[in-house]
Amino acid sequence: MSEPIPAAKRERTTPGEMLHGYRVRKWLGDGAFSVVYLVEDPKTHVQYALKHVISEGDKEDRYLDQLRMEWEVGRRLKHRNIRDIVDMRGDQGFKIGGVGLLKKPGKDLGLVMEMIDAPSLEDLLQKGELRFSVPEWIAIFRDVASALVHIHDKGYAHADMKPNNILWDRNHTKVIDLGQAWKIGSTKPRMSGTAGYVAPEQPLIEPITAQTDVFNFAATMYRLLRGKFAPQTVQKRYSRDFQLPEELIGDTAPLHRFNPQIPERLSDLILNCLELEPSKRKYMTYVLKQLDSMQPVSVK
């Protein structure tokens, strides 16, 4: 069987054409095996983002499963810091917003999402535009923690928290991409996560829990504040996919020693959340409470 063809190498839908009942306005970007478009509902003229995934073989079906997971989790969530999931197109017999069995799973799916015209924190990091004060960082981290608490309350872990999955502008902090989300307490059938943010249980294929998100989130905060990856995210026992060049990895010293403007409480919180043993990590509700207490009134 031939290798899957990444979405970036496939022919894109032309602006003006219809895709799953929506009119394509422009291409927004590519994921590994997805293409995201700005689309418009021809009846209401409301604009959305549509993530389009096509499977042309068994190896690519897992990307359809990820899109279905994003729909299954996202439709249960309603939070100001989580991107709204609006609609799912392409699965015949799939009851939108209800319960039902898939009579004929589709091979060409479209996930319709809230359109947010904002860069990711990863985009800003790569462009050297992360010029935030520590109070601004704390406010952003607080928004993300609040979103993760809401996801956990619904029984799921995001399981892929990283700067690329946080959109930000002056009006929004939005957590996106629930394709790796997983039922808390269950085990994924394969390795998952992203190098530099992954918790040990992910490359070792152990149960995903809310503490997985705590680790991922702490690794995200470390990277954004330090500019390098937390050393706890890289272990020799992980596969090559989760290794990083040594020069990209920070040290184990508390972050407030690197930058005296970082509160020691925040530095210690991040370190405590990077425990390799899940049971030793703080809960996300505790993380949120601590971040709340660090916010000056002016940045709430």
Protein backbone atom coordinates (compact mmCIF):
# COMPACT_ATOMS: atom_id res chain seq x y z
CA MET A 1 0.00 0.00 0.00
CA SER A 2 1.33 3.44 -0.91
CA GLU A 3 2.18 6.02 1.76
CA PRO A 4 -0.52 8.60 2.64
CA ILE A 5 -0.38 11.83 0.65
CA PRO A 6 -0.13 14.92 2.90
CA ALA A 7 -2.92 17.44 2.40
CA ALA A 8 -0.43 20.12 1.33
CA LYS A 9 0.40 18.06 -1.78
CA ARG A 10 -3.20 17.55 -2.83
CA GLU A 11 -5.22 19.78 -5.11
CA ARG A 12 -7.09 22.41 -3.13
CA THR A 13 -10.71 23.43 -3.59
CA THR A 14 -10.94 26.57 -5.73
CA PRO A 15 -12.46 29.72 -4.16
CA GLY A 16 -16.10 30.03 -5.25
CA GLU A 17 -16.69 26.27 -5.35
CA MET A 18 -19.03 24.49 -2.93
CA LEU A 19 -17.59 22.13 -0.30
CA HIS A 20 -19.94 20.15 1.94
CA GLY A 21 -22.68 22.73 1.42
CA TYR A 22 -20.51 25.77 2.10
CA ARG A 23 -18.96 28.15 -0.41
CA VAL A 24 -15.17 28.31 -0.24
CA ARG A 25 -13.83 31.85 0.04
CA LYS A 26 -10.12 31.20 0.48
CA TRP A 27 -7.51 28.73 1.66
CA LEU A 28 -6.33 29.34 5.25
CA GLY A 29 -3.72 26.65 5.83
CA ASP A 30 -2.71 23.00 5.85
CA GLY A 31 -2.44 20.47 8.63
CA ALA A 32 -0.56 17.20 8.16
CA PHE A 33 -3.53 15.58 6.40
CA SER A 34 -6.12 18.35 6.45
CA VAL A 35 -6.80 21.59 4.63
CA VAL A 36 -8.53 24.51 6.33
CA TYR A 37 -10.65 26.97 4.32
CA LEU A 38 -12.58 30.13 5.01
CA VAL A 39 -16.12 29.23 3.93
CA GLU A 40 -19.50 30.94 3.88
CA ASP A 41 -22.97 29.56 4.52
CA PRO A 42 -24.83 30.44 1.28
CA LYS A 43 -28.10 30.94 3.19
CA THR A 44 -27.00 33.03 6.15
CA HIS A 45 -23.73 34.44 4.71
CA VAL A 46 -22.03 33.69 8.03
CA GLN A 47 -18.37 32.79 7.62
CA TYR A 48 -16.69 29.79 9.22
CA ALA A 49 -13.46 27.82 9.08
CA LEU A 50 -13.85 24.36 7.52
CA LYS A 51 -11.28 21.63 8.15
CA HIS A 52 -11.36 19.20 5.22
CA VAL A 53 -9.96 15.67 5.42
CA ILE A 54 -9.98 13.04 2.66
CA SER A 55 -8.92 9.42 3.13
CA GLU A 56 -7.67 7.50 0.12
CA GLY A 57 -6.61 4.38 1.99
CA ASP A 58 -6.61 2.55 5.31
CA LYS A 59 -3.53 4.41 6.57
CA GLU A 60 -5.36 7.70 6.26
CA ASP A 61 -8.57 6.62 8.00
CA ARG A 62 -7.09 7.61 11.36
CA TYR A 63 -7.16 11.25 10.27
CA LEU A 64 -10.89 10.88 9.68
CA ASP A 65 -11.17 9.36 13.16
CA GLN A 66 -9.35 12.37 14.60
CA LEU A 67 -11.80 14.71 12.90
CA ARG A 68 -14.72 12.70 14.26
CA MET A 69 -13.17 12.89 17.73
CA GLU A 70 -12.83 16.66 17.36
CA TRP A 71 -16.54 16.81 16.54
CA GLU A 72 -17.59 14.38 19.29
CA VAL A 73 -15.71 16.32 21.97
CA GLY A 74 -16.17 19.82 20.58
CA ARG A 75 -19.95 19.63 20.31
CA ARG A 76 -20.09 19.00 24.07
CA LEU A 77 -18.12 22.13 24.92
CA LYS A 78 -19.21 25.73 25.30
CA HIS A 79 -16.56 28.04 26.69
CA ARG A 80 -15.38 31.50 25.70
CA ASN A 81 -11.77 30.28 25.44
CA ILE A 82 -12.49 27.25 23.26
CA ARG A 83 -13.18 27.48 19.55
CA ASP A 84 -16.82 26.60 18.80
CA ILE A 85 -17.45 23.48 16.73
CA VAL A 86 -20.49 24.14 14.53
CA ASP A 87 -21.18 21.22 12.20
CA MET A 88 -19.85 17.96 10.76
CA ARG A 89 -20.42 16.97 7.14
CA GLY A 90 -19.77 13.80 5.19
CA ASP A 91 -20.85 10.88 7.41
CA GLN A 92 -24.14 9.47 6.11
CA GLY A 93 -26.51 8.59 8.93
CA PHE A 94 -24.58 10.69 11.43
CA LYS A 95 -27.06 12.70 13.50
CA ILE A 96 -25.77 16.23 13.90
CA GLY A 97 -26.09 17.27 17.54
CA GLY A 98 -27.76 13.98 18.51
CA VAL A 99 -27.07 10.33 19.18
CA GLY A 100 -26.94 7.78 16.40
CA LEU A 101 -24.86 5.11 14.72
CA LEU A 102 -22.77 5.70 11.63
CA LYS A 103 -24.64 3.90 8.86
CA LYS A 104 -21.95 4.71 6.30
CA PRO A 105 -18.77 6.38 7.56
CA GLY A 106 -17.53 8.91 5.04
CA LYS A 107 -14.12 9.13 3.42
CA ASP A 108 -14.43 12.87 2.75
CA LEU A 109 -15.29 14.88 5.86
CA GLY A 110 -15.68 18.55 6.66
CA LEU A 111 -15.61 19.97 10.19
CA VAL A 112 -17.20 23.43 10.37
CA MET A 113 -15.76 25.66 13.09
CA GLU A 114 -15.95 29.18 14.45
CA MET A 115 -13.84 31.48 12.29
CA ILE A 116 -11.16 33.22 14.36
CA ASP A 117 -8.87 35.66 12.57
CA ALA A 118 -5.95 35.43 14.99
CA PRO A 119 -2.43 33.94 14.93
CA SER A 120 -1.32 31.07 17.11
CA LEU A 121 1.23 31.64 19.85
CA GLU A 122 3.56 29.39 17.82
CA ASP A 123 3.21 31.76 14.85
CA LEU A 124 4.10 34.71 17.07
CA LEU A 125 6.98 32.78 18.61
CA GLN A 126 8.48 31.95 15.22
CA LYS A 127 8.14 35.57 14.08
CA GLY A 128 9.75 36.91 17.24
CA GLU A 129 6.57 38.80 18.16
CA LEU A 130 5.94 37.39 21.65
CA ARG A 131 6.39 40.71 23.39
CA PHE A 132 4.16 40.19 26.42
CA SER A 133 4.67 41.37 29.95
CA VAL A 134 4.54 38.76 32.71
CA PRO A 135 1.02 39.91 33.81
CA GLU A 136 -0.16 39.52 30.19
CA TRP A 137 1.31 36.02 30.07
CA ILE A 138 -0.43 35.10 33.29
CA ALA A 139 -3.75 36.33 31.86
CA ILE A 140 -3.27 34.20 28.73
CA PHE A 141 -2.26 31.15 30.78
CA ARG A 142 -5.31 31.67 32.99
CA ASP A 143 -7.60 31.60 29.94
CA VAL A 144 -6.04 28.36 28.70
CA ALA A 145 -6.27 26.73 32.12
CA SER A 146 -9.95 27.69 32.34
CA ALA A 147 -10.59 26.07 28.94
CA LEU A 148 -8.82 22.88 29.99
CA VAL A 149 -10.82 22.67 33.23
CA HIS A 150 -14.00 22.83 31.14
CA ILE A 151 -12.78 20.03 28.85
CA HIS A 152 -11.91 17.90 31.89
CA ASP A 153 -15.34 18.54 33.39
CA LYS A 154 -16.82 16.90 30.27
CA GLY A 155 -14.67 13.80 30.80
CA TYR A 156 -11.95 14.40 28.20
CA ALA A 157 -8.32 15.48 28.01
CA HIS A 158 -7.14 17.75 25.18
CA ALA A 159 -3.93 15.67 24.99
CA ASP A 160 -2.08 17.99 22.60
CA MET A 161 -1.70 21.30 24.40
CA LYS A 162 1.03 23.42 22.76
CA PRO A 163 1.53 26.99 21.49
CA ASN A 164 0.29 26.03 18.02
CA ASN A 165 -3.10 25.16 19.52
CA ILE A 166 -3.60 28.52 21.22
CA LEU A 167 -4.89 31.39 19.09
CA TRP A 168 -4.45 34.91 20.44
CA ASP A 169 -5.24 38.50 19.65
CA ARG A 170 -6.20 41.45 21.85
CA ASN A 171 -9.80 40.19 22.03
CA HIS A 172 -9.35 36.42 22.25
CA THR A 173 -7.45 33.55 23.77
CA LYS A 174 -8.80 30.42 22.10
CA VAL A 175 -7.82 26.79 22.56
CA ILE A 176 -8.22 24.87 19.29
CA ASP A 177 -7.70 21.41 17.72
CA LEU A 178 -9.41 18.64 19.65
CA GLY A 179 -8.32 15.95 17.19
CA GLN A 180 -6.07 14.29 19.78
CA ALA A 181 -8.62 14.59 22.60
CA TRP A 182 -9.30 11.40 24.52
CA LYS A 183 -11.57 10.00 27.20
CA ILE A 184 -9.95 10.49 30.59
CA GLY A 185 -8.66 7.21 32.03
CA SER A 186 -8.51 5.30 28.74
CA THR A 187 -5.51 4.33 26.64
CA LYS A 188 -4.88 5.42 23.07
CA PRO A 189 -4.09 2.63 20.60
CA ARG A 190 -0.89 4.37 19.44
CA MET A 191 1.68 6.91 20.54
CA SER A 192 0.43 10.49 20.51
CA GLY A 193 1.46 14.01 21.42
CA THR A 194 4.04 16.48 20.18
CA ALA A 195 7.78 16.47 20.80
CA GLY A 196 8.71 19.10 23.35
CA TYR A 197 5.33 19.01 25.10
CA VAL A 198 4.57 15.31 25.46
CA ALA A 199 3.88 13.75 28.87
CA PRO A 200 5.59 10.38 29.55
CA GLU A 201 2.33 8.44 29.37
CA GLN A 202 1.84 9.46 25.73
CA PRO A 203 4.92 7.94 24.02
CA LEU A 204 4.76 5.02 26.44
CA ILE A 205 1.10 4.33 25.53
CA GLU A 206 -0.22 4.51 29.08
CA PRO A 207 -3.67 5.85 30.11
CA ILE A 208 -4.44 9.47 29.22
CA THR A 209 -5.67 11.49 32.19
CA ALA A 210 -6.38 15.10 33.10
CA GLN A 211 -2.79 15.15 34.43
CA THR A 212 -1.61 14.61 30.86
CA ASP A 213 -2.95 18.06 30.02
CA VAL A 214 -1.33 19.49 33.16
CA PHE A 215 2.07 18.33 31.90
CA ASN A 216 1.46 19.47 28.30
CA PHE A 217 0.29 22.86 29.54
CA ALA A 218 3.25 23.31 31.88
CA ALA A 219 5.61 22.42 29.02
CA THR A 220 3.80 25.03 26.92
CA MET A 221 4.21 27.72 29.60
CA TYR A 222 7.90 26.81 29.97
CA ARG A 223 8.52 27.11 26.23
CA LEU A 224 6.72 30.44 25.92
CA LEU A 225 8.51 31.96 28.91
CA ARG A 226 11.95 30.41 28.32
CA GLY A 227 12.12 30.14 24.53
CA LYS A 228 13.36 26.55 24.84
CA PHE A 229 11.73 23.20 25.59
CA ALA A 230 11.42 21.85 29.12
CA PRO A 231 14.01 19.10 29.72
CA GLN A 232 11.32 16.92 31.33
CA THR A 233 9.69 16.46 27.90
CA VAL A 234 12.61 14.49 26.44
CA GLN A 235 13.60 11.06 27.77
CA LYS A 236 16.01 8.50 26.29
CA ARG A 237 13.32 5.82 26.52
CA TYR A 238 11.08 7.71 24.06
CA SER A 239 11.11 6.87 20.36
CA ARG A 240 13.00 9.04 17.88
CA ASP A 241 9.78 10.94 17.06
CA PHE A 242 9.85 12.52 20.52
CA GLN A 243 13.54 13.47 20.64
CA LEU A 244 14.86 17.02 20.18
CA PRO A 245 18.28 18.53 19.42
CA GLU A 246 20.13 19.28 22.66
CA GLU A 247 20.49 22.97 21.82
CA LEU A 248 16.70 23.41 21.85
CA ILE A 249 16.31 22.06 25.39
CA GLY A 250 16.40 24.31 28.45
CA ASP A 251 17.79 23.43 31.85
CA THR A 252 16.17 22.31 35.08
CA ALA A 253 16.73 25.61 36.90
CA PRO A 254 13.53 27.39 38.01
CA LEU A 255 12.32 29.96 35.49
CA HIS A 256 12.51 32.87 37.93
CA ARG A 257 16.29 32.45 37.96
CA PHE A 258 16.32 32.86 34.19
CA ASN A 259 14.01 35.89 34.35
CA PRO A 260 13.59 37.67 37.72
CA GLN A 261 10.32 39.23 36.47
CA ILE A 262 8.68 35.78 36.52
CA PRO A 263 7.05 35.31 39.94
CA GLU A 264 8.62 32.54 41.97
CA ARG A 265 5.12 31.15 42.53
CA LEU A 266 4.60 30.76 38.77
CA SER A 267 8.06 29.25 38.35
CA ASP A 268 7.38 26.70 41.10
CA LEU A 269 3.91 25.93 39.73
CA ILE A 270 5.30 25.08 36.30
CA LEU A 271 8.01 22.88 37.81
CA ASN A 272 5.48 21.02 39.98
CA CYS A 273 3.28 20.36 36.93
CA LEU A 274 6.21 18.84 35.03
CA GLU A 275 6.48 15.84 37.36
CA LEU A 276 7.08 12.67 35.33
CA GLU A 277 4.70 10.66 37.52
CA PRO A 278 1.09 11.75 36.75
CA SER A 279 -0.08 11.28 40.35
CA LYS A 280 2.51 13.82 41.56
CA ARG A 281 1.28 16.60 39.26
CA LYS A 282 -1.09 19.34 40.34
CA TYR A 283 -4.72 19.29 39.16
CA MET A 284 -5.83 21.79 36.54
CA THR A 285 -8.33 23.30 38.96
CA TYR A 286 -5.41 24.05 41.30
CA VAL A 287 -3.40 25.51 38.40
CA LEU A 288 -6.34 27.77 37.48
CA LYS A 289 -6.78 28.91 41.09
CA GLN A 290 -3.09 29.77 41.36
CA LEU A 291 -3.06 31.70 38.08
CA ASP A 292 -6.19 33.58 39.15
CA SER A 293 -4.48 34.64 42.35
CA MET A 294 -1.45 35.94 40.41
CA GLN A 295 -3.45 38.26 38.15
CA PRO A 296 -3.45 41.98 38.91
CA VAL A 297 -6.93 43.48 38.68
CA SER A 298 -5.90 45.48 35.61
CA VAL A 299 -5.38 42.41 33.40
CA LYS A 300 -8.46 40.41 34.36
